[in-house]
Protein backbone atom coordinates (compact mmCIF):
# COMPACT_ATOMS: atom_id res chain seq x y z
CA UNK A 1 120.89 72.25 150.97
CA UNK A 2 119.20 69.72 149.40
CA UNK A 3 118.88 70.27 144.88
CA UNK A 4 116.09 70.24 143.69
CA UNK A 5 115.03 66.98 141.25
CA UNK A 6 111.86 68.53 139.11
CA UNK A 7 109.85 65.06 140.21
CA UNK A 8 107.23 66.92 141.88
CA UNK A 9 106.46 68.53 138.41
CA UNK A 10 103.25 68.78 138.09
CA UNK A 11 102.24 67.32 141.11
CA UNK A 12 99.41 68.73 143.29
CA UNK A 13 100.15 69.25 147.33
CA UNK A 14 97.18 69.73 149.67
CA UNK A 15 98.85 71.70 152.68
CA UNK A 16 97.56 72.32 155.50
CA UNK A 17 98.63 75.79 157.62
CA UNK A 18 100.26 76.65 154.34
CA UNK A 19 100.01 80.82 154.35
CA UNK A 20 103.77 80.61 156.87
CA UNK A 21 106.29 78.27 158.94
CA UNK A 22 107.01 75.29 158.13
CA UNK A 23 104.55 74.70 155.73
CA UNK A 24 104.85 77.08 153.65
CA UNK A 25 108.55 76.55 153.29
CA UNK A 26 107.45 72.70 151.61
CA UNK A 27 104.95 74.52 149.29
CA UNK A 28 108.13 76.72 148.34
CA UNK A 29 110.53 74.12 147.67
CA UNK A 30 108.11 72.14 145.64
CA UNK A 31 107.08 75.37 143.53
CA UNK A 32 110.69 74.73 142.43
CA UNK A 33 109.54 72.30 140.55
CA UNK A 34 106.35 73.05 138.93
CA UNK A 35 103.97 71.68 141.45
CA UNK A 36 100.69 72.52 142.08
CA UNK A 37 100.08 73.94 145.65
CA UNK A 38 96.62 74.21 147.79
CA UNK A 39 97.43 76.46 150.41
CA UNK A 40 94.82 75.62 152.61
CA UNK A 41 95.07 78.04 155.51
CA UNK A 42 92.90 79.69 157.91
CA UNK A 43 94.65 83.11 157.85
CA UNK A 44 92.76 85.12 154.66
CA UNK A 45 93.47 88.47 156.32
CA UNK A 46 96.68 90.14 157.40
CA UNK A 47 96.98 89.35 160.99
CA UNK A 48 98.18 92.42 163.12
CA UNK A 49 101.67 90.41 164.44
CA UNK A 50 102.41 87.65 162.28
CA UNK A 51 103.16 88.62 158.51
CA UNK A 52 101.14 85.72 155.50
CA UNK A 53 97.93 84.99 155.20
CA UNK A 54 96.88 82.53 151.77
CA UNK A 55 97.29 84.77 149.49
CA UNK A 56 99.94 86.01 149.81
CA UNK A 57 101.84 82.49 149.73
CA UNK A 58 100.09 81.87 146.71
CA UNK A 59 101.95 85.29 145.58
CA UNK A 60 105.26 83.63 146.67
CA UNK A 61 104.79 80.25 145.39
CA UNK A 62 104.27 81.57 142.74
CA UNK A 63 106.94 83.49 142.04
CA UNK A 64 109.00 80.07 142.59
CA UNK A 65 107.85 78.42 140.10
CA UNK A 66 104.55 76.76 141.02
CA UNK A 67 101.05 77.78 140.66
CA UNK A 68 98.71 78.33 143.53
CA UNK A 69 95.49 77.59 144.67
CA UNK A 70 94.27 79.79 148.38
CA UNK A 71 91.90 78.16 150.23
CA UNK A 72 90.57 78.79 153.32
CA UNK A 73 90.43 76.44 155.70
CA UNK A 74 89.36 75.69 159.19
CA UNK A 75 90.90 71.79 159.38
CA UNK A 76 88.10 71.59 162.09
CA UNK A 77 85.22 72.48 159.10
CA UNK A 78 84.70 69.26 157.50
CA UNK A 79 82.46 71.29 154.79
CA UNK A 80 85.95 74.23 154.16
CA UNK A 81 88.09 71.07 153.30
CA UNK A 82 85.37 69.39 151.48
CA UNK A 83 85.26 73.03 148.89
CA UNK A 84 89.03 73.47 148.66
CA UNK A 85 89.16 69.07 147.81
CA UNK A 86 85.95 69.87 145.13
CA UNK A 87 88.35 72.87 143.89
CA UNK A 88 91.83 71.43 144.30
CA UNK A 89 90.61 68.67 141.90
CA UNK A 90 88.80 71.46 139.15
CA UNK A 91 91.71 73.27 139.44
CA UNK A 92 94.81 70.53 139.12
CA UNK A 93 92.41 67.77 137.89
CA UNK A 94 93.68 65.57 141.70
CA UNK A 95 95.73 65.61 144.33
CA UNK A 96 99.39 63.58 144.56
CA UNK A 97 100.34 64.38 147.97
CA UNK A 98 98.66 65.45 151.15
CA UNK A 99 100.74 67.58 154.30
CA UNK A 100 99.06 67.62 157.67
CA UNK A 101 100.68 70.60 158.87
CA UNK A 102 98.73 72.61 160.73
CA UNK A 103 98.64 71.97 165.06
CA UNK A 104 97.71 73.98 167.79
CA UNK A 105 100.03 72.97 171.36
CA UNK A 106 99.00 74.14 174.57
CA UNK A 107 101.94 72.42 177.45
CA UNK A 108 99.94 72.28 179.90
CA UNK A 109 99.00 69.69 183.29
CA UNK A 110 96.35 67.98 183.93
CA UNK A 111 94.66 70.45 186.20
CA UNK A 112 95.88 74.00 183.90
CA UNK A 113 94.06 72.65 180.55
CA UNK A 114 90.47 73.53 180.26
CA UNK A 115 88.44 71.87 177.57
CA UNK A 116 88.35 74.71 175.34
CA UNK A 117 91.98 74.22 174.32
CA UNK A 118 92.48 70.29 175.13
CA UNK A 119 88.92 69.82 172.49
CA UNK A 120 90.84 73.37 170.31
CA UNK A 121 94.38 71.11 170.33
CA UNK A 122 92.28 67.03 169.40
CA UNK A 123 90.20 68.75 166.74
CA UNK A 124 92.91 70.51 164.99
CA UNK A 125 95.55 67.41 165.84
CA UNK A 126 93.66 64.68 165.43
CA UNK A 127 90.33 64.83 163.82
CA UNK A 128 92.18 67.38 161.59
CA UNK A 129 94.39 65.28 160.33
CA UNK A 130 92.53 62.29 160.07
CA UNK A 131 89.42 64.47 158.42
CA UNK A 132 91.74 65.76 155.37
CA UNK A 133 92.90 62.42 154.97
CA UNK A 134 89.83 60.49 154.41
CA UNK A 135 88.49 63.58 151.94
CA UNK A 136 91.98 63.73 150.23
CA UNK A 137 92.43 59.96 149.66
CA UNK A 138 90.06 58.82 146.97
CA UNK A 139 92.21 61.42 144.65
CA UNK A 140 95.32 59.49 146.47
CA UNK A 141 95.00 56.55 145.56
CA UNK A 142 94.69 57.76 141.83
CA UNK A 143 97.60 59.08 141.83
CA UNK A 144 100.63 57.52 140.68
CA UNK A 145 103.30 57.61 144.07
CA UNK A 146 100.33 59.64 146.38
CA UNK A 147 102.33 60.53 150.00
CA UNK A 148 100.51 61.69 153.29
CA UNK A 149 103.30 62.96 155.67
CA UNK A 150 102.26 64.08 158.49
CA UNK A 151 104.02 67.18 160.85
CA UNK A 152 104.40 64.61 163.57
CA UNK A 153 106.63 63.19 166.08
CA UNK A 154 107.76 59.38 166.75
CA UNK A 155 105.83 57.85 168.65
CA UNK A 156 107.34 57.24 172.39
CA UNK A 157 104.98 55.69 175.46
CA UNK A 158 107.33 56.86 177.74
CA UNK A 159 105.38 58.37 180.63
CA UNK A 160 108.18 61.21 181.08
CA UNK A 161 106.17 62.46 177.36
CA UNK A 162 102.89 62.44 179.10
CA UNK A 163 103.12 63.11 182.67
CA UNK A 164 103.75 67.40 182.61
CA UNK A 165 101.75 67.76 179.06
CA UNK A 166 99.15 64.59 178.76
CA UNK A 167 96.32 66.44 176.63
CA UNK A 168 99.06 67.93 174.48
CA UNK A 169 101.09 65.12 173.80
CA UNK A 170 97.59 62.31 173.16
CA UNK A 171 96.28 64.61 170.46
CA UNK A 172 100.19 65.19 168.41
CA UNK A 173 100.33 60.92 168.70
CA UNK A 174 96.57 60.82 168.04
CA UNK A 175 98.07 62.50 164.32
CA UNK A 176 101.42 59.54 164.30
CA UNK A 177 98.92 57.21 165.26
CA UNK A 178 97.20 57.99 161.88
CA UNK A 179 100.45 57.49 161.14
CA UNK A 180 100.90 54.09 161.60
CA UNK A 181 97.44 53.29 160.77
CA UNK A 182 96.85 54.54 157.35
CA UNK A 183 100.28 53.49 156.23
CA UNK A 184 99.41 49.38 157.24
CA UNK A 185 95.74 50.43 156.03
CA UNK A 186 96.70 51.75 151.69
CA UNK A 187 100.48 49.84 151.50
CA UNK A 188 98.42 47.71 148.78
CA UNK A 189 97.29 50.89 147.28
CA UNK A 190 100.62 52.25 147.12
CA UNK A 191 99.77 55.11 149.22
CA UNK A 192 103.25 56.17 151.49
CA UNK A 193 101.78 57.37 155.22
CA UNK A 194 105.04 59.01 157.01
CA UNK A 195 105.38 61.50 159.59
CA UNK A 196 108.50 63.80 160.22
CA UNK A 197 108.95 65.71 162.55
CA UNK A 198 112.35 68.39 163.83
CA UNK A 199 115.19 67.54 165.75
CA UNK A 200 116.25 71.15 166.83
CA UNK A 201 113.89 74.08 167.60
CA UNK A 202 112.71 75.60 164.38
CA UNK A 203 112.09 80.01 163.35
CA UNK A 204 109.50 80.15 162.10
CA UNK A 205 107.42 83.79 162.78
CA UNK A 206 105.38 83.22 165.74
CA UNK A 207 108.53 82.04 167.52
CA UNK A 208 110.73 85.04 165.99
CA UNK A 209 107.98 87.66 167.35
CA UNK A 210 107.53 86.20 170.57
CA UNK A 211 111.11 84.80 171.23
CA UNK A 212 112.40 87.91 169.04
CA UNK A 213 114.74 87.12 165.72
CA UNK A 214 118.05 87.99 168.32
CA UNK A 215 117.63 86.00 171.04
CA UNK A 216 118.96 83.41 172.52
CA UNK A 217 116.93 80.80 171.47
CA UNK A 218 115.83 81.93 167.98
CA UNK A 219 120.52 81.98 168.07
CA UNK A 220 119.79 78.25 168.64
CA UNK A 221 117.18 76.90 165.90
CA UNK A 222 117.34 75.99 162.35
CA UNK A 223 115.25 77.47 159.63
CA UNK A 224 112.39 76.14 158.05
CA UNK A 225 114.07 74.77 155.28
CA UNK A 226 115.68 71.88 157.41
CA UNK A 227 112.58 70.07 157.10
CA UNK A 228 111.26 71.57 154.07
CA UNK A 229 113.73 69.61 151.68
CA UNK A 230 113.53 66.97 154.30
CA UNK A 231 109.92 66.76 153.39
CA UNK A 232 111.39 66.63 149.15
CA UNK A 233 113.79 64.08 150.25
CA UNK A 234 110.76 61.75 151.65
CA UNK A 235 108.12 62.69 149.40
CA UNK A 236 109.96 62.28 146.56
CA UNK A 237 110.92 58.42 147.17
CA UNK A 238 108.63 55.73 145.62
CA UNK A 239 105.01 55.56 148.16
CA UNK A 240 104.85 51.82 147.44
CA UNK A 241 108.21 51.00 149.13
CA UNK A 242 108.92 54.24 152.02
CA UNK A 243 105.83 53.97 154.28
CA UNK A 244 104.60 54.30 158.15
CA UNK A 245 108.11 55.78 158.84
CA UNK A 246 108.82 57.58 161.54
CA UNK A 247 111.78 60.36 160.97
CA UNK A 248 113.92 62.66 161.98
CA UNK A 249 114.59 65.92 159.84
CA UNK A 250 118.36 65.64 159.84
CA UNK A 251 118.21 62.14 159.72
CA UNK A 252 116.51 61.96 156.46
CA UNK A 253 118.87 64.36 154.69
CA UNK A 254 122.06 62.55 155.87
CA UNK A 255 120.91 59.33 153.72
CA UNK A 256 120.46 61.07 150.96
CA UNK A 257 124.58 62.95 152.02
CA UNK A 258 124.22 65.72 153.59
CA UNK A 259 125.37 65.55 157.14
CA UNK A 260 126.40 69.10 157.70
CA UNK A 261 123.19 70.52 158.32
CA UNK A 262 125.71 74.30 159.56
CA UNK A 263 123.71 75.96 156.03
CA UNK A 264 120.76 75.10 157.93
CA UNK A 265 121.42 76.85 161.23
CA UNK A 266 120.80 80.51 162.28
CA UNK A 267 123.94 80.32 163.69
CA UNK A 268 126.38 77.75 163.22
CA UNK A 269 128.33 79.11 166.28
CA UNK A 270 125.84 77.92 168.69
CA UNK A 271 124.34 74.45 170.01
CA UNK A 272 121.35 73.78 168.99
CA UNK A 273 119.26 73.74 170.72
CA UNK A 274 117.05 69.71 170.68
CA UNK A 275 113.18 70.66 170.66
CA UNK A 276 111.07 67.76 172.81
CA UNK A 277 111.02 64.94 169.89
CA UNK A 278 109.96 62.15 171.51
CA UNK A 279 112.82 60.04 171.34
CA UNK A 280 115.54 61.46 173.37
CA UNK A 281 115.82 60.36 177.08
CA UNK A 282 115.47 64.28 178.49
CA UNK A 283 112.21 64.83 180.17
CA UNK A 284 110.59 67.85 179.68
CA UNK A 285 110.92 68.91 183.37
CA UNK A 286 114.93 68.65 182.97
CA UNK A 287 114.30 71.80 180.08
CA UNK A 288 113.64 75.11 180.76
CA UNK A 289 109.94 75.19 180.57
CA UNK A 290 109.29 78.44 179.08
CA UNK A 291 112.16 78.29 176.21
CA UNK A 292 110.45 75.15 174.91
CA UNK A 293 107.07 75.98 174.36
CA UNK A 294 108.63 79.07 172.54
CA UNK A 295 110.92 76.46 170.38
CA UNK A 296 108.24 73.70 169.14
CA UNK A 297 105.47 76.68 168.29
CA UNK A 298 104.05 76.55 165.27
CA UNK A 299 103.82 79.20 163.41
CA UNK A 300 100.53 78.25 162.50
CA UNK A 301 99.09 78.95 166.35
CA UNK A 302 97.85 82.46 167.54
CA UNK A 303 99.45 82.90 171.28
CA UNK A 304 96.18 83.37 172.81
CA UNK A 305 96.30 78.93 171.57
CA UNK A 306 98.69 78.36 173.75
C-alpha cells in the first residue's frame, strides 16, 4: 500500500460518482491527509441492493480525517453541477482537483444499442466529463497544483476495441480525448490533465452484487484501493511536469517503488483477470463476454444500464 504523505491536506477534491466504488476509495485516501471532498453523485437515497449514498460516504470521509460536502449531482445536468461547484467554493474557498469518475456502460454491438443507452453513455461519459471540467476550470486555474484526473482508458485505435461495442468505446474514449486536448490546452497554466485505468477487474459494490463476493470473478479481482493509491500518487505530483498521461494503476505504483501487488488482490493465490484496458492485444471477442461485463462494471452504474 502507498503511504500518505500529507500533501493533500487542505486541498479540495471534486469527485463525481464518489458515493461508492473507486470514487469513494479515492476520496477516503485523500481524506487521510485532511483533504476537503465534494461528494458529487446522484445517490441521495439508499439503493435497495447497493450500499452507500452521498451522505454515508461523507460520514466515512469525515471519520477518515477529511471534510466532506455531499452534493446531489447528475453530470448531465449543467445546473446541478454549477450549484455543486458554487457550494464547494463557498464551503472550501476553491477547487484544486477534479476526478471525473462517473461513467455508464453498455457493451452492445451497433444493432443492439438503442439510442437511449447511446445517449446515456455519451451524456455521462463524454459530455459529463467535458462539462464538469469546464465548470471547475475557473477555480482549478487559481490552484497552485491543479489536477484533473479522468477514470478512462488509453487511446488505442486498434479496431478490436471498437467492433463489438463501438458506442461504449466512443463514449469512454471521449473522456480520454478530453485528457489529450485539455492537457495541451492548459499545459501553460500548469493544470495537469491525466487519465487512470485499472489493469485488472476492480471489485466494487455493483460487481459484488452481480458476480457474488465469493465468485471466481471476484476472487480474481483487485480492491478499489489500488486505484485510490495510484490516483493519490498522480495527484501529489507536480502539475506543471506530469500531464497528458494515460496511466495504468500498477505501473503508477511501480514507479513509486511498489512492485508486489498482493495486498491489493482479493485472493493473491488467483491469477488476476485482466480488464479490457485498451492497451492489450487480446480481442474482446476472445474473452468470455459475461465475465467481462461483470468485471468492468462501474459501481455507479445501475444494473438497468447494462
